[in-house]
Every structure is written in structure tokens, then in C-alpha cells.
N, C-alpha and C. Protein backbone atom coordinates (compact mmCIF):
# COMPACT_ATOMS: atom_id res chain seq x y z
N HIS A 1 -63.17 -15.65 -11.35
CA HIS A 1 -64.27 -15.22 -12.19
C HIS A 1 -64.10 -13.74 -12.49
N SER A 2 -64.84 -13.26 -13.44
CA SER A 2 -64.73 -11.85 -13.82
C SER A 2 -66.11 -11.24 -13.93
N ILE A 3 -66.16 -9.95 -13.69
CA ILE A 3 -67.43 -9.22 -13.78
C ILE A 3 -67.26 -8.14 -14.83
N GLN A 4 -68.17 -8.10 -15.80
CA GLN A 4 -68.12 -7.07 -16.83
C GLN A 4 -68.96 -5.88 -16.39
N HIS A 5 -68.41 -4.71 -16.55
CA HIS A 5 -69.13 -3.49 -16.18
C HIS A 5 -69.71 -2.85 -17.44
N ALA A 6 -70.76 -2.16 -17.22
CA ALA A 6 -71.35 -1.41 -18.34
C ALA A 6 -70.43 -0.26 -18.69
N PRO A 7 -70.55 0.26 -19.92
CA PRO A 7 -69.71 1.40 -20.32
C PRO A 7 -69.88 2.56 -19.33
N PHE A 8 -68.77 3.23 -19.05
CA PHE A 8 -68.81 4.33 -18.08
C PHE A 8 -69.24 5.62 -18.76
N ASP A 9 -70.05 6.40 -18.05
CA ASP A 9 -70.38 7.71 -18.58
C ASP A 9 -69.28 8.69 -18.20
N SER A 10 -69.42 9.93 -18.67
CA SER A 10 -68.35 10.91 -18.47
C SER A 10 -68.17 11.27 -17.01
N THR A 11 -69.21 11.10 -16.21
CA THR A 11 -69.08 11.50 -14.81
C THR A 11 -68.32 10.47 -14.00
N ASN A 12 -68.35 9.20 -14.44
CA ASN A 12 -67.69 8.15 -13.68
C ASN A 12 -66.36 7.71 -14.28
N SER A 13 -66.11 8.08 -15.51
CA SER A 13 -64.90 7.57 -16.18
C SER A 13 -63.63 8.07 -15.50
N ASN A 14 -63.66 9.31 -15.00
CA ASN A 14 -62.46 9.84 -14.36
C ASN A 14 -62.10 9.04 -13.12
N SER A 15 -63.11 8.73 -12.33
CA SER A 15 -62.81 7.95 -11.12
C SER A 15 -62.29 6.57 -11.50
N PHE A 16 -62.76 6.01 -12.57
CA PHE A 16 -62.28 4.69 -13.00
C PHE A 16 -60.81 4.77 -13.44
N VAL A 17 -60.49 5.85 -14.16
CA VAL A 17 -59.10 6.02 -14.59
C VAL A 17 -58.19 6.14 -13.37
N LEU A 18 -58.62 6.90 -12.39
CA LEU A 18 -57.81 7.03 -11.18
C LEU A 18 -57.65 5.68 -10.49
N TYR A 19 -58.71 4.90 -10.49
CA TYR A 19 -58.63 3.58 -9.85
C TYR A 19 -57.65 2.68 -10.60
N VAL A 20 -57.68 2.78 -11.92
CA VAL A 20 -56.82 1.89 -12.73
C VAL A 20 -55.34 2.25 -12.54
N ILE A 21 -55.04 3.55 -12.52
CA ILE A 21 -53.62 3.93 -12.51
C ILE A 21 -53.10 4.16 -11.10
N LYS A 22 -54.01 4.12 -10.11
CA LYS A 22 -53.54 4.39 -8.75
C LYS A 22 -52.56 3.33 -8.28
N GLU A 23 -52.90 2.06 -8.50
CA GLU A 23 -52.03 0.98 -8.00
C GLU A 23 -50.68 0.96 -8.72
N PRO A 24 -50.63 1.05 -10.07
CA PRO A 24 -49.31 1.11 -10.72
C PRO A 24 -48.48 2.30 -10.24
N LYS A 25 -49.14 3.45 -10.04
CA LYS A 25 -48.37 4.60 -9.57
C LYS A 25 -47.79 4.35 -8.18
N THR A 26 -48.59 3.69 -7.35
CA THR A 26 -48.08 3.36 -6.01
C THR A 26 -46.90 2.40 -6.11
N LYS A 27 -47.07 1.37 -6.95
CA LYS A 27 -45.96 0.43 -7.15
C LYS A 27 -44.73 1.15 -7.70
N LEU A 28 -44.99 2.05 -8.64
CA LEU A 28 -43.86 2.78 -9.23
C LEU A 28 -43.18 3.65 -8.18
N GLY A 29 -43.98 4.31 -7.33
CA GLY A 29 -43.39 5.13 -6.28
C GLY A 29 -42.55 4.32 -5.33
N ASN A 30 -43.10 3.17 -4.93
CA ASN A 30 -42.33 2.30 -4.03
C ASN A 30 -41.05 1.83 -4.71
N ALA A 31 -41.18 1.45 -5.97
CA ALA A 31 -40.01 0.94 -6.70
C ALA A 31 -38.97 2.04 -6.89
N VAL A 32 -39.45 3.25 -7.20
CA VAL A 32 -38.51 4.36 -7.38
C VAL A 32 -37.80 4.67 -6.06
N GLY A 33 -38.56 4.62 -4.96
CA GLY A 33 -37.93 4.83 -3.66
C GLY A 33 -36.87 3.79 -3.37
N TYR A 34 -37.23 2.54 -3.67
CA TYR A 34 -36.25 1.46 -3.46
C TYR A 34 -35.02 1.66 -4.35
N LEU A 35 -35.30 2.04 -5.60
CA LEU A 35 -34.18 2.24 -6.54
C LEU A 35 -33.29 3.40 -6.08
N ASN A 36 -33.90 4.45 -5.56
CA ASN A 36 -33.10 5.57 -5.06
C ASN A 36 -32.21 5.13 -3.91
N LYS A 37 -32.79 4.33 -3.00
CA LYS A 37 -31.97 3.83 -1.88
C LYS A 37 -30.82 2.97 -2.40
N GLU A 38 -31.13 2.10 -3.38
CA GLU A 38 -30.07 1.24 -3.94
C GLU A 38 -29.00 2.08 -4.63
N ALA A 39 -29.45 3.12 -5.35
CA ALA A 39 -28.48 3.97 -6.06
C ALA A 39 -27.57 4.69 -5.06
N ILE A 40 -28.18 5.16 -3.95
CA ILE A 40 -27.36 5.83 -2.92
C ILE A 40 -26.37 4.85 -2.32
N ARG A 41 -26.85 3.61 -2.08
CA ARG A 41 -25.95 2.60 -1.51
C ARG A 41 -24.81 2.29 -2.48
N TYR A 42 -25.16 2.14 -3.75
CA TYR A 42 -24.11 1.89 -4.75
C TYR A 42 -23.13 3.06 -4.81
N GLU A 43 -23.67 4.29 -4.75
CA GLU A 43 -22.78 5.45 -4.80
C GLU A 43 -21.85 5.49 -3.59
N ASP A 44 -22.39 5.14 -2.42
CA ASP A 44 -21.54 5.08 -1.22
C ASP A 44 -20.45 4.03 -1.38
N ASN A 45 -20.84 2.87 -1.94
CA ASN A 45 -19.84 1.82 -2.17
C ASN A 45 -18.78 2.28 -3.16
N LEU A 46 -19.21 2.99 -4.20
CA LEU A 46 -18.25 3.47 -5.21
C LEU A 46 -17.29 4.49 -4.59
N ARG A 47 -17.84 5.38 -3.76
CA ARG A 47 -16.97 6.37 -3.11
C ARG A 47 -15.99 5.69 -2.16
N SER A 48 -16.49 4.66 -1.45
CA SER A 48 -15.58 3.91 -0.57
C SER A 48 -14.49 3.22 -1.37
N THR A 49 -14.89 2.66 -2.53
CA THR A 49 -13.90 2.00 -3.39
C THR A 49 -12.87 3.02 -3.90
N GLU A 50 -13.36 4.21 -4.26
CA GLU A 50 -12.44 5.23 -4.75
C GLU A 50 -11.46 5.66 -3.65
N ARG A 51 -11.97 5.77 -2.41
CA ARG A 51 -11.06 6.12 -1.31
C ARG A 51 -10.03 5.02 -1.08
N THR A 52 -10.50 3.75 -1.20
CA THR A 52 -9.56 2.63 -1.04
C THR A 52 -8.49 2.66 -2.13
N LEU A 53 -8.92 2.95 -3.36
CA LEU A 53 -7.96 3.02 -4.47
C LEU A 53 -6.95 4.15 -4.23
N ALA A 54 -7.43 5.28 -3.77
CA ALA A 54 -6.52 6.40 -3.51
C ALA A 54 -5.52 6.04 -2.42
N ASP A 55 -6.01 5.35 -1.39
CA ASP A 55 -5.11 4.93 -0.30
C ASP A 55 -4.07 3.95 -0.80
N LEU A 56 -4.51 2.99 -1.63
CA LEU A 56 -3.56 2.02 -2.18
C LEU A 56 -2.54 2.70 -3.09
N ASP A 57 -3.00 3.66 -3.88
CA ASP A 57 -2.06 4.40 -4.74
C ASP A 57 -1.03 5.14 -3.89
N HIS A 58 -1.51 5.74 -2.78
CA HIS A 58 -0.58 6.47 -1.90
C HIS A 58 0.44 5.51 -1.28
N GLN A 59 -0.05 4.35 -0.81
CA GLN A 59 0.87 3.36 -0.24
C GLN A 59 1.90 2.90 -1.27
N LEU A 60 1.42 2.68 -2.49
CA LEU A 60 2.33 2.24 -3.55
C LEU A 60 3.39 3.29 -3.84
N ASP A 61 2.97 4.56 -3.91
CA ASP A 61 3.94 5.63 -4.15
C ASP A 61 4.97 5.71 -3.02
N THR A 62 4.48 5.57 -1.78
CA THR A 62 5.39 5.62 -0.63
C THR A 62 6.41 4.49 -0.68
N LEU A 63 5.93 3.29 -1.00
CA LEU A 63 6.85 2.15 -1.06
C LEU A 63 7.85 2.30 -2.21
N GLN A 64 7.37 2.83 -3.33
CA GLN A 64 8.28 3.03 -4.45
C GLN A 64 9.36 4.06 -4.11
N GLU A 65 8.97 5.11 -3.38
CA GLU A 65 9.96 6.09 -2.95
C GLU A 65 10.97 5.46 -1.98
N GLU A 66 10.45 4.65 -1.05
CA GLU A 66 11.34 3.98 -0.10
C GLU A 66 12.30 3.03 -0.82
N LEU A 67 11.75 2.30 -1.80
CA LEU A 67 12.59 1.38 -2.57
C LEU A 67 13.68 2.13 -3.32
N GLU A 68 13.32 3.25 -3.94
CA GLU A 68 14.33 4.03 -4.67
C GLU A 68 15.39 4.59 -3.71
N ARG A 69 14.94 5.07 -2.54
CA ARG A 69 15.90 5.63 -1.57
C ARG A 69 16.87 4.55 -1.08
N LYS A 70 16.34 3.36 -0.75
CA LYS A 70 17.21 2.28 -0.28
C LYS A 70 18.16 1.83 -1.39
N SER A 71 17.67 1.78 -2.62
CA SER A 71 18.53 1.38 -3.73
C SER A 71 19.67 2.37 -3.93
N ASN A 72 19.34 3.66 -3.85
CA ASN A 72 20.38 4.68 -4.00
C ASN A 72 21.40 4.60 -2.86
N GLU A 73 20.89 4.35 -1.65
CA GLU A 73 21.80 4.25 -0.50
C GLU A 73 22.74 3.06 -0.65
N LEU A 74 22.19 1.92 -1.06
CA LEU A 74 23.02 0.73 -1.24
C LEU A 74 24.03 0.94 -2.36
N SER A 75 23.59 1.56 -3.46
CA SER A 75 24.51 1.81 -4.57
C SER A 75 25.66 2.72 -4.14
N PHE A 76 25.33 3.73 -3.33
CA PHE A 76 26.37 4.64 -2.85
C PHE A 76 27.38 3.89 -1.97
N GLN A 77 26.88 3.04 -1.08
CA GLN A 77 27.78 2.29 -0.21
C GLN A 77 28.67 1.34 -1.01
N LEU A 78 28.08 0.68 -1.99
CA LEU A 78 28.87 -0.23 -2.81
C LEU A 78 29.93 0.53 -3.61
N HIS A 79 29.53 1.67 -4.16
CA HIS A 79 30.48 2.48 -4.93
C HIS A 79 31.62 2.95 -4.02
N GLU A 80 31.28 3.36 -2.81
CA GLU A 80 32.31 3.82 -1.88
C GLU A 80 33.26 2.68 -1.52
N GLN A 81 32.72 1.49 -1.32
CA GLN A 81 33.57 0.35 -0.95
C GLN A 81 34.47 -0.06 -2.11
N VAL A 82 33.92 0.00 -3.33
CA VAL A 82 34.74 -0.33 -4.50
C VAL A 82 35.89 0.66 -4.64
N SER A 83 35.58 1.93 -4.38
CA SER A 83 36.65 2.94 -4.45
C SER A 83 37.73 2.65 -3.41
N LYS A 84 37.29 2.26 -2.20
CA LYS A 84 38.27 1.92 -1.17
C LYS A 84 39.10 0.70 -1.59
N SER A 85 38.45 -0.27 -2.18
CA SER A 85 39.17 -1.47 -2.61
C SER A 85 40.20 -1.14 -3.70
N ASP A 86 39.80 -0.29 -4.64
CA ASP A 86 40.74 0.12 -5.69
C ASP A 86 41.94 0.86 -5.09
N GLN A 87 41.63 1.75 -4.15
CA GLN A 87 42.72 2.49 -3.50
C GLN A 87 43.64 1.55 -2.73
N LEU A 88 43.04 0.56 -2.05
CA LEU A 88 43.83 -0.41 -1.31
C LEU A 88 44.72 -1.23 -2.24
N GLN A 89 44.15 -1.64 -3.36
CA GLN A 89 44.93 -2.42 -4.32
C GLN A 89 46.13 -1.62 -4.83
N PHE A 90 45.90 -0.35 -5.08
CA PHE A 90 47.00 0.51 -5.52
C PHE A 90 48.08 0.61 -4.44
N GLU A 91 47.65 0.76 -3.20
CA GLU A 91 48.61 0.87 -2.10
C GLU A 91 49.39 -0.44 -1.92
N ILE A 92 48.71 -1.57 -2.08
CA ILE A 92 49.39 -2.87 -1.96
C ILE A 92 50.46 -3.03 -3.03
N GLN A 93 50.10 -2.64 -4.25
CA GLN A 93 51.08 -2.74 -5.34
C GLN A 93 52.30 -1.85 -5.07
N SER A 94 52.03 -0.66 -4.57
CA SER A 94 53.15 0.24 -4.24
C SER A 94 53.99 -0.34 -3.10
N ALA A 95 53.32 -0.94 -2.12
CA ALA A 95 54.05 -1.51 -0.99
C ALA A 95 54.90 -2.70 -1.40
N GLN A 96 54.36 -3.49 -2.34
CA GLN A 96 55.13 -4.65 -2.80
C GLN A 96 56.43 -4.21 -3.47
N LYS A 97 56.39 -3.07 -4.17
CA LYS A 97 57.61 -2.57 -4.82
C LYS A 97 58.64 -2.12 -3.77
N LYS A 98 58.12 -1.65 -2.63
CA LYS A 98 59.02 -1.15 -1.58
C LYS A 98 59.26 -2.20 -0.49
N LEU A 99 58.82 -3.43 -0.72
CA LEU A 99 58.86 -4.45 0.33
C LEU A 99 60.29 -4.74 0.79
N GLN A 100 61.21 -4.76 -0.15
CA GLN A 100 62.59 -5.12 0.22
C GLN A 100 63.20 -4.09 1.17
N SER A 101 62.80 -2.85 1.02
CA SER A 101 63.39 -1.79 1.86
C SER A 101 62.43 -1.28 2.93
N ALA A 102 61.18 -1.78 2.90
CA ALA A 102 60.19 -1.25 3.86
C ALA A 102 59.26 -2.36 4.31
N ASP A 103 59.85 -3.39 4.97
CA ASP A 103 59.01 -4.50 5.44
C ASP A 103 57.97 -4.03 6.46
N GLY A 104 58.37 -3.10 7.30
CA GLY A 104 57.42 -2.60 8.31
C GLY A 104 56.20 -1.95 7.67
N THR A 105 56.48 -1.13 6.65
CA THR A 105 55.37 -0.47 5.95
C THR A 105 54.46 -1.48 5.29
N ALA A 106 55.05 -2.53 4.72
CA ALA A 106 54.25 -3.57 4.07
C ALA A 106 53.35 -4.29 5.06
N ARG A 107 53.88 -4.58 6.25
CA ARG A 107 53.07 -5.26 7.24
C ARG A 107 51.86 -4.40 7.66
N VAL A 108 52.11 -3.12 7.81
CA VAL A 108 51.00 -2.22 8.16
C VAL A 108 49.92 -2.23 7.08
N LEU A 109 50.38 -2.19 5.84
CA LEU A 109 49.41 -2.20 4.73
C LEU A 109 48.65 -3.51 4.67
N VAL A 110 49.35 -4.61 4.96
CA VAL A 110 48.66 -5.91 4.96
C VAL A 110 47.60 -5.94 6.05
N GLU A 111 47.92 -5.38 7.19
CA GLU A 111 46.93 -5.32 8.27
C GLU A 111 45.73 -4.47 7.86
N GLU A 112 46.01 -3.37 7.20
CA GLU A 112 44.90 -2.54 6.72
C GLU A 112 44.07 -3.28 5.68
N GLN A 113 44.77 -4.05 4.85
CA GLN A 113 44.05 -4.84 3.85
C GLN A 113 43.12 -5.84 4.54
N THR A 114 43.63 -6.49 5.60
CA THR A 114 42.80 -7.45 6.33
C THR A 114 41.57 -6.76 6.92
N THR A 115 41.80 -5.58 7.48
CA THR A 115 40.68 -4.82 8.06
C THR A 115 39.65 -4.45 6.99
N LEU A 116 40.15 -3.98 5.86
CA LEU A 116 39.23 -3.58 4.79
C LEU A 116 38.50 -4.78 4.20
N LYS A 117 39.19 -5.92 4.13
CA LYS A 117 38.52 -7.13 3.65
C LYS A 117 37.38 -7.51 4.59
N ALA A 118 37.65 -7.40 5.89
CA ALA A 118 36.59 -7.70 6.86
C ALA A 118 35.42 -6.72 6.69
N ASP A 119 35.75 -5.44 6.49
CA ASP A 119 34.69 -4.45 6.26
C ASP A 119 33.91 -4.77 5.00
N LEU A 120 34.66 -5.21 3.97
CA LEU A 120 34.00 -5.56 2.72
C LEU A 120 33.07 -6.76 2.91
N GLN A 121 33.47 -7.74 3.68
CA GLN A 121 32.62 -8.90 3.94
C GLN A 121 31.35 -8.49 4.68
N VAL A 122 31.52 -7.59 5.64
CA VAL A 122 30.34 -7.10 6.36
C VAL A 122 29.38 -6.40 5.41
N LEU A 123 29.95 -5.56 4.54
CA LEU A 123 29.11 -4.84 3.58
C LEU A 123 28.43 -5.80 2.62
N MET A 124 29.16 -6.83 2.18
CA MET A 124 28.56 -7.81 1.28
C MET A 124 27.42 -8.56 1.96
N SER A 125 27.57 -8.87 3.25
CA SER A 125 26.47 -9.52 3.96
C SER A 125 25.27 -8.57 4.05
N LYS A 126 25.56 -7.29 4.28
CA LYS A 126 24.48 -6.31 4.29
C LYS A 126 23.85 -6.19 2.91
N GLN A 127 24.68 -6.33 1.87
CA GLN A 127 24.14 -6.27 0.51
C GLN A 127 23.12 -7.38 0.29
N ASP A 128 23.42 -8.59 0.82
CA ASP A 128 22.46 -9.69 0.69
C ASP A 128 21.16 -9.36 1.42
N GLU A 129 21.29 -8.76 2.60
CA GLU A 129 20.09 -8.38 3.36
C GLU A 129 19.28 -7.33 2.62
N TRP A 130 20.00 -6.34 2.08
CA TRP A 130 19.30 -5.31 1.30
C TRP A 130 18.64 -5.91 0.07
N GLY A 131 19.34 -6.83 -0.56
CA GLY A 131 18.76 -7.47 -1.75
C GLY A 131 17.48 -8.20 -1.41
N LYS A 132 17.48 -8.91 -0.29
CA LYS A 132 16.26 -9.61 0.14
C LYS A 132 15.15 -8.61 0.46
N TYR A 133 15.52 -7.54 1.14
CA TYR A 133 14.54 -6.51 1.49
C TYR A 133 13.96 -5.84 0.24
N LEU A 134 14.82 -5.53 -0.71
CA LEU A 134 14.35 -4.93 -1.95
C LEU A 134 13.45 -5.89 -2.72
N GLN A 135 13.79 -7.18 -2.68
CA GLN A 135 12.96 -8.18 -3.35
C GLN A 135 11.57 -8.25 -2.71
N GLU A 136 11.54 -8.21 -1.38
CA GLU A 136 10.26 -8.24 -0.68
C GLU A 136 9.44 -6.98 -0.98
N LEU A 137 10.12 -5.84 -1.02
CA LEU A 137 9.42 -4.60 -1.36
C LEU A 137 8.85 -4.66 -2.77
N THR A 138 9.65 -5.20 -3.69
CA THR A 138 9.19 -5.32 -5.08
C THR A 138 7.97 -6.22 -5.17
N GLN A 139 8.00 -7.34 -4.45
CA GLN A 139 6.86 -8.26 -4.45
C GLN A 139 5.61 -7.59 -3.86
N TYR A 140 5.81 -6.84 -2.78
CA TYR A 140 4.68 -6.16 -2.16
C TYR A 140 4.11 -5.09 -3.09
N CYS A 141 4.99 -4.37 -3.78
CA CYS A 141 4.52 -3.38 -4.76
C CYS A 141 3.71 -4.06 -5.86
N THR A 142 4.18 -5.22 -6.32
CA THR A 142 3.44 -5.96 -7.35
C THR A 142 2.06 -6.36 -6.85
N GLU A 143 2.00 -6.84 -5.60
CA GLU A 143 0.70 -7.22 -5.03
C GLU A 143 -0.22 -6.01 -4.91
N LEU A 144 0.33 -4.88 -4.52
CA LEU A 144 -0.49 -3.67 -4.43
C LEU A 144 -1.02 -3.26 -5.80
N GLU A 145 -0.17 -3.37 -6.82
CA GLU A 145 -0.62 -3.04 -8.17
C GLU A 145 -1.76 -3.95 -8.60
N GLU A 146 -1.66 -5.25 -8.26
CA GLU A 146 -2.74 -6.18 -8.60
C GLU A 146 -4.02 -5.83 -7.85
N LYS A 147 -3.88 -5.42 -6.57
CA LYS A 147 -5.06 -5.02 -5.81
C LYS A 147 -5.71 -3.79 -6.42
N VAL A 148 -4.87 -2.83 -6.84
CA VAL A 148 -5.40 -1.62 -7.46
C VAL A 148 -6.16 -1.96 -8.74
N GLU A 149 -5.56 -2.83 -9.57
CA GLU A 149 -6.24 -3.24 -10.81
C GLU A 149 -7.55 -3.94 -10.50
N HIS A 150 -7.55 -4.79 -9.46
CA HIS A 150 -8.78 -5.50 -9.09
C HIS A 150 -9.85 -4.51 -8.62
N GLN A 151 -9.45 -3.51 -7.82
CA GLN A 151 -10.41 -2.52 -7.35
C GLN A 151 -10.97 -1.70 -8.50
N HIS A 152 -10.12 -1.35 -9.46
CA HIS A 152 -10.59 -0.63 -10.65
C HIS A 152 -11.62 -1.47 -11.41
N ALA A 153 -11.33 -2.76 -11.58
CA ALA A 153 -12.25 -3.64 -12.29
C ALA A 153 -13.57 -3.77 -11.54
N ALA A 154 -13.51 -3.92 -10.21
CA ALA A 154 -14.73 -4.04 -9.41
C ALA A 154 -15.54 -2.74 -9.47
N HIS A 155 -14.84 -1.61 -9.44
CA HIS A 155 -15.51 -0.31 -9.54
C HIS A 155 -16.25 -0.19 -10.88
N PHE A 156 -15.59 -0.57 -11.96
CA PHE A 156 -16.20 -0.50 -13.29
C PHE A 156 -17.39 -1.46 -13.40
N ALA A 157 -17.24 -2.68 -12.85
CA ALA A 157 -18.32 -3.66 -12.92
C ALA A 157 -19.54 -3.18 -12.13
N ALA A 158 -19.31 -2.62 -10.94
CA ALA A 158 -20.42 -2.12 -10.13
C ALA A 158 -21.13 -0.97 -10.83
N GLU A 159 -20.36 -0.08 -11.43
CA GLU A 159 -20.95 1.05 -12.14
C GLU A 159 -21.78 0.57 -13.33
N THR A 160 -21.26 -0.42 -14.06
CA THR A 160 -21.99 -0.98 -15.19
C THR A 160 -23.28 -1.66 -14.73
N GLU A 161 -23.21 -2.39 -13.62
CA GLU A 161 -24.39 -3.09 -13.10
C GLU A 161 -25.47 -2.09 -12.70
N ILE A 162 -25.06 -0.98 -12.08
CA ILE A 162 -26.03 0.04 -11.68
C ILE A 162 -26.73 0.61 -12.92
N LYS A 163 -25.96 0.91 -13.96
CA LYS A 163 -26.55 1.47 -15.17
C LYS A 163 -27.55 0.49 -15.81
N CYS A 164 -27.16 -0.80 -15.85
CA CYS A 164 -28.05 -1.81 -16.43
C CYS A 164 -29.32 -1.95 -15.59
N ASP A 165 -29.17 -1.96 -14.26
CA ASP A 165 -30.34 -2.08 -13.38
C ASP A 165 -31.26 -0.89 -13.55
N LEU A 166 -30.70 0.31 -13.64
CA LEU A 166 -31.51 1.51 -13.83
C LEU A 166 -32.28 1.46 -15.14
N GLN A 167 -31.60 1.06 -16.22
CA GLN A 167 -32.26 1.00 -17.52
C GLN A 167 -33.40 -0.03 -17.52
N ALA A 168 -33.11 -1.21 -16.94
CA ALA A 168 -34.12 -2.26 -16.91
C ALA A 168 -35.31 -1.84 -16.05
N PHE A 169 -35.05 -1.18 -14.94
CA PHE A 169 -36.15 -0.78 -14.07
C PHE A 169 -37.00 0.30 -14.72
N VAL A 170 -36.36 1.26 -15.37
CA VAL A 170 -37.12 2.32 -16.04
C VAL A 170 -38.03 1.73 -17.12
N ILE A 171 -37.51 0.77 -17.88
CA ILE A 171 -38.32 0.13 -18.93
C ILE A 171 -39.52 -0.58 -18.31
N GLU A 172 -39.26 -1.35 -17.25
CA GLU A 172 -40.34 -2.10 -16.60
C GLU A 172 -41.36 -1.16 -15.96
N ALA A 173 -40.86 -0.10 -15.32
CA ALA A 173 -41.77 0.84 -14.66
C ALA A 173 -42.66 1.54 -15.68
N ARG A 174 -42.08 1.93 -16.81
CA ARG A 174 -42.89 2.57 -17.85
C ARG A 174 -43.96 1.62 -18.38
N ALA A 175 -43.59 0.36 -18.53
CA ALA A 175 -44.55 -0.62 -19.03
C ALA A 175 -45.70 -0.78 -18.04
N GLN A 176 -45.42 -0.79 -16.74
CA GLN A 176 -46.47 -0.94 -15.74
C GLN A 176 -47.39 0.28 -15.71
N VAL A 177 -46.82 1.45 -15.95
CA VAL A 177 -47.64 2.66 -15.88
C VAL A 177 -48.48 2.85 -17.14
N TYR A 178 -47.88 2.64 -18.30
CA TYR A 178 -48.57 2.96 -19.54
C TYR A 178 -49.45 1.84 -20.07
N ALA A 179 -49.22 0.61 -19.64
CA ALA A 179 -50.05 -0.49 -20.14
C ALA A 179 -51.52 -0.31 -19.78
N PRO A 180 -51.88 0.01 -18.52
CA PRO A 180 -53.30 0.22 -18.21
C PRO A 180 -53.88 1.39 -18.97
N LEU A 181 -53.12 2.46 -19.14
CA LEU A 181 -53.63 3.62 -19.88
C LEU A 181 -53.87 3.28 -21.34
N THR A 182 -53.01 2.46 -21.90
CA THR A 182 -53.19 2.04 -23.30
C THR A 182 -54.46 1.22 -23.46
N GLU A 183 -54.72 0.37 -22.48
CA GLU A 183 -55.94 -0.45 -22.55
C GLU A 183 -57.19 0.43 -22.48
N LEU A 184 -57.14 1.51 -21.71
CA LEU A 184 -58.30 2.40 -21.61
C LEU A 184 -58.58 3.12 -22.93
N ASP A 185 -57.53 3.31 -23.71
CA ASP A 185 -57.74 3.97 -25.01
C ASP A 185 -58.48 3.08 -25.99
N ASP A 186 -58.52 1.78 -25.73
CA ASP A 186 -59.20 0.84 -26.62
C ASP A 186 -60.70 0.94 -26.38
N PRO A 187 -61.49 1.33 -27.41
CA PRO A 187 -62.94 1.49 -27.21
C PRO A 187 -63.62 0.17 -26.88
N ASN A 188 -63.05 -0.95 -27.25
CA ASN A 188 -63.66 -2.26 -26.99
C ASN A 188 -63.22 -2.84 -25.65
N TYR A 189 -62.40 -2.07 -24.86
CA TYR A 189 -61.85 -2.63 -23.62
C TYR A 189 -62.95 -2.71 -22.57
N GLN A 190 -63.05 -3.87 -21.96
CA GLN A 190 -63.98 -4.07 -20.85
C GLN A 190 -63.17 -4.43 -19.61
N PRO A 191 -63.17 -3.59 -18.59
CA PRO A 191 -62.40 -3.93 -17.38
C PRO A 191 -62.93 -5.19 -16.71
N GLN A 192 -62.05 -5.97 -16.20
CA GLN A 192 -62.40 -7.21 -15.53
C GLN A 192 -61.79 -7.23 -14.15
N LEU A 193 -62.57 -7.70 -13.23
CA LEU A 193 -62.08 -7.85 -11.86
C LEU A 193 -62.10 -9.32 -11.52
N SER A 194 -60.97 -9.86 -11.11
CA SER A 194 -60.91 -11.28 -10.78
C SER A 194 -61.03 -11.47 -9.28
């Protein structure tokens, strides 16, 4: 049910206005306090996300440097072994020309060839290991890049959500505060208490 009040005189109208806007202001204060806490929490989450992104970027840079260093090391070893193989081939050809008069020298060179071939096989096996290791590093770098992209997207989405929530809350809060005041401006307005 509702009770209609008689028009207020100038001495009582101020107290009525305070009564009307007191509750919305209290609600607004509580809501603003809650919104401030939420904004602080979102900001903490964003800062944590930024620190995580920085850490992932640092890890990615470190792995990329390690990958480049290992690649350079492997390339140097392969180049050195190829040079040894070329030199050995040249020595074998020279020894074959002198084989008729220098069988002993040829046998020594053949033994060296066998040793170098064994060294080459060892290096080739290491090359396979390095290749697998480089492949794993590359895959891990790719996964880190995907994580970084995901964190950037989550950071942007959270920031957008905060902005939308703030805008919606400000609109709603203004409506709650100004609606009762607008009704008081209406000369035909009769307050009702249910």
C-alpha cells in the first residue's frame, strides 16, 4: 500500500530531500568502494600478468641465445671435420701415387683414414643428437611464443572488461543518484512509501 503526504513546506522540504537521496548515496558509496577494490584487484592481476610476460620474454631470449650458440658450435665442428676430410682425401690421393715406392707410407695413411672415419662417425652421431636437441629447443621456443601471445590476449581482454564494467557502473550509479532528484523537480510528484 502507499501513503500520500501533503505538500512539504520550505522548512521540511530539505529534510525530505536528504531522506530521498540518502539511501542512493549510501548505495553509491558502497558500490564505489566495491568498484575500487575490484579495480585494485584487476590492476594487481594485470601487473602480475605483465611480470609473467616479461619473465617469458626473458626465458625466450635466453633459449634463443642458447640455440644460436649451439648452432654455431655445431657448424664450426662440422666445418672443421669437413676440412679434415678434404685434407685426408688429398693425402690419400698423394699416397696412392706413391704406393708403388712407399707401401709403408700408404699403410700409415690408411690407418689414419680409418681413425678419421671413426672420428667422423662419432661426430655424425653427435650431429644427430644436436639436431634432436635443437629441434626440442625450437619446439619449446614456439610454445613459449604461443604462451606469450595468449598472455597478451588475456591482458587485453581483462583490460577491456575493466573498462566496460567501469562505464556500465558509472552509468547505473548516475541513474540511481539523479533519478530521485529528477522526480523531486516534478511539481506533481507525490512521494509514496510502500
